[in-house]
Amino acid sequence: MEDCWGHGREGLSLKERSMINLPMISALNRPHELKVHVRGALRNGLSREQISETLLQVGIYCGVPAAVDSFRLAREAFTEADAEASS
């Protein structure tokens, strides 16, 4: 499992890995994984704007329904992250 996060490999940063993972997970229609990875992307340094831009690419290349679902899940993840940050 550590290999998928690049431990011991320096070719991509965690931020770059997150930016790659979000559209792949969206395209594969893995909603539970997507929420987890959106939260991880925030921790790895992606801004909400970068996450949104990444999900817009999903709409262009994977279809609008996939992007709509992904944006909904990302908003839920943002809300959860905000709630944790304020408590």
C-alpha atoms as a PDB file:
ATOM      1  CA  MET A   1       0.000   0.000   0.000  1.00  0.00           C
ATOM      2  CA  GLU A   2       2.833   2.400   0.752  1.00  0.00           C
ATOM      3  CA  ASP A   3       4.028   2.098  -2.839  1.00  0.00           C
ATOM      4  CA  CYS A   4       0.878   3.760  -4.155  1.00  0.00           C
ATOM      5  CA  TRP A   5       1.672   6.867  -2.071  1.00  0.00           C
ATOM      6  CA  GLY A   6       5.199   7.001  -3.413  1.00  0.00           C
ATOM      7  CA  HIS A   7       7.076   6.304  -0.187  1.00  0.00           C
ATOM      8  CA  GLY A   8      10.695   6.059  -1.158  1.00  0.00           C
ATOM      9  CA  ARG A   9      10.021   7.538  -4.612  1.00  0.00           C
ATOM     10  CA  GLU A  10      10.563  11.215  -5.303  1.00  0.00           C
ATOM     11  CA  GLY A  11       9.246  11.503  -8.871  1.00  0.00           C
ATOM     12  CA  LEU A  12       5.932  13.078  -7.794  1.00  0.00           C
ATOM     13  CA  SER A  13       4.975  15.037  -4.701  1.00  0.00           C
ATOM     14  CA  LEU A  14       1.973  14.019  -2.595  1.00  0.00           C
ATOM     15  CA  LYS A  15       0.180  17.060  -4.007  1.00  0.00           C
ATOM     16  CA  GLU A  16       0.830  15.896  -7.578  1.00  0.00           C
ATOM     17  CA  ARG A  17      -0.254  12.358  -6.731  1.00  0.00           C
ATOM     18  CA  SER A  18      -3.522  13.702  -5.316  1.00  0.00           C
ATOM     19  CA  MET A  19      -4.091  15.774  -8.444  1.00  0.00           C
ATOM     20  CA  ILE A  20      -3.721  12.615 -10.529  1.00  0.00           C
ATOM     21  CA  ASN A  21      -5.783  10.371  -8.242  1.00  0.00           C
ATOM     22  CA  LEU A  22      -8.908  12.548  -8.058  1.00  0.00           C
ATOM     23  CA  PRO A  23      -9.863  12.317 -11.740  1.00  0.00           C
ATOM     24  CA  MET A  24      -9.022   8.604 -11.929  1.00  0.00           C
ATOM     25  CA  ILE A  25     -11.195   7.800  -8.922  1.00  0.00           C
ATOM     26  CA  SER A  26     -13.965   9.997 -10.333  1.00  0.00           C
ATOM     27  CA  ALA A  27     -13.806   8.243 -13.689  1.00  0.00           C
ATOM     28  CA  LEU A  28     -13.947   4.859 -11.977  1.00  0.00           C
ATOM     29  CA  ASN A  29     -17.078   5.934 -10.056  1.00  0.00           C
ATOM     30  CA  ARG A  30     -15.698   5.192  -6.594  1.00  0.00           C
ATOM     31  CA  PRO A  31     -17.644   7.697  -4.440  1.00  0.00           C
ATOM     32  CA  HIS A  32     -16.410   6.560  -1.030  1.00  0.00           C
ATOM     33  CA  GLU A  33     -12.813   6.601  -2.178  1.00  0.00           C
ATOM     34  CA  LEU A  34     -13.279   9.996  -3.794  1.00  0.00           C
ATOM     35  CA  LYS A  35     -14.377  11.635  -0.537  1.00  0.00           C
ATOM     36  CA  VAL A  36     -11.389  10.176   1.263  1.00  0.00           C
ATOM     37  CA  HIS A  37      -9.051  11.356  -1.485  1.00  0.00           C
ATOM     38  CA  VAL A  38     -10.533  14.874  -1.556  1.00  0.00           C
ATOM     39  CA  ARG A  39      -9.776  15.150   2.166  1.00  0.00           C
ATOM     40  CA  GLY A  40      -6.306  13.771   1.508  1.00  0.00           C
ATOM     41  CA  ALA A  41      -5.771  16.225  -1.338  1.00  0.00           C
ATOM     42  CA  LEU A  42      -6.528  19.108   1.037  1.00  0.00           C
ATOM     43  CA  ARG A  43      -3.979  17.710   3.516  1.00  0.00           C
ATOM     44  CA  ASN A  44      -1.480  17.262   0.682  1.00  0.00           C
ATOM     45  CA  GLY A  45      -1.653  20.941  -0.187  1.00  0.00           C
ATOM     46  CA  LEU A  46      -4.222  21.225  -2.978  1.00  0.00           C
ATOM     47  CA  SER A  47      -6.496  24.222  -2.686  1.00  0.00           C
ATOM     48  CA  ARG A  48     -10.217  23.887  -3.138  1.00  0.00           C
ATOM     49  CA  GLU A  49      -9.836  25.767  -6.402  1.00  0.00           C
ATOM     50  CA  GLN A  50      -7.268  23.245  -7.656  1.00  0.00           C
ATOM     51  CA  ILE A  51      -9.555  20.382  -6.682  1.00  0.00           C
ATOM     52  CA  SER A  52     -12.439  22.049  -8.515  1.00  0.00           C
ATOM     53  CA  GLU A  53     -10.329  22.611 -11.619  1.00  0.00           C
ATOM     54  CA  THR A  54      -9.280  18.975 -11.536  1.00  0.00           C
ATOM     55  CA  LEU A  55     -12.911  17.870 -11.318  1.00  0.00           C
ATOM     56  CA  LEU A  56     -13.830  20.169 -14.226  1.00  0.00           C
ATOM     57  CA  GLN A  57     -11.397  18.123 -16.314  1.00  0.00           C
ATOM     58  CA  VAL A  58     -13.380  15.042 -15.311  1.00  0.00           C
ATOM     59  CA  GLY A  59     -16.471  16.630 -16.858  1.00  0.00           C
ATOM     60  CA  ILE A  60     -14.655  17.333 -20.096  1.00  0.00           C
ATOM     61  CA  TYR A  61     -13.078  13.912 -20.508  1.00  0.00           C
ATOM     62  CA  CYS A  62     -15.356  11.545 -18.544  1.00  0.00           C
ATOM     63  CA  GLY A  63     -18.737  13.214 -18.871  1.00  0.00           C
ATOM     64  CA  VAL A  64     -20.838  15.709 -17.002  1.00  0.00           C
ATOM     65  CA  PRO A  65     -22.629  13.136 -14.783  1.00  0.00           C
ATOM     66  CA  ALA A  66     -19.287  11.950 -13.407  1.00  0.00           C
ATOM     67  CA  ALA A  67     -18.233  15.528 -12.700  1.00  0.00           C
ATOM     68  CA  VAL A  68     -21.556  16.438 -11.058  1.00  0.00           C
ATOM     69  CA  ASP A  69     -21.286  13.470  -8.694  1.00  0.00           C
ATOM     70  CA  SER A  70     -17.647  14.288  -7.987  1.00  0.00           C
ATOM     71  CA  PHE A  71     -18.407  17.930  -7.187  1.00  0.00           C
ATOM     72  CA  ARG A  72     -21.216  16.866  -4.833  1.00  0.00           C
ATOM     73  CA  LEU A  73     -18.878  14.519  -2.982  1.00  0.00           C
ATOM     74  CA  ALA A  74     -16.124  17.134  -2.881  1.00  0.00           C
ATOM     75  CA  ARG A  75     -18.533  19.653  -1.308  1.00  0.00           C
ATOM     76  CA  GLU A  76     -19.428  17.060   1.326  1.00  0.00           C
ATOM     77  CA  ALA A  77     -15.734  16.465   2.018  1.00  0.00           C
ATOM     78  CA  PHE A  78     -15.110  20.232   2.258  1.00  0.00           C
ATOM     79  CA  THR A  79     -17.980  20.573   4.740  1.00  0.00           C
ATOM     80  CA  GLU A  80     -16.613  17.727   6.853  1.00  0.00           C
ATOM     81  CA  ALA A  81     -13.112  19.227   6.784  1.00  0.00           C
ATOM     82  CA  ASP A  82     -14.519  22.625   7.843  1.00  0.00           C
ATOM     83  CA  ALA A  83     -16.467  21.039  10.701  1.00  0.00           C
ATOM     84  CA  GLU A  84     -13.364  19.257  11.966  1.00  0.00           C
ATOM     85  CA  ALA A  85     -11.276  22.414  11.695  1.00  0.00           C
ATOM     86  CA  SER A  86     -13.780  24.448  13.728  1.00  0.00           C
ATOM     87  CA  SER A  87     -14.077  21.898  16.535  1.00  0.00           C
END
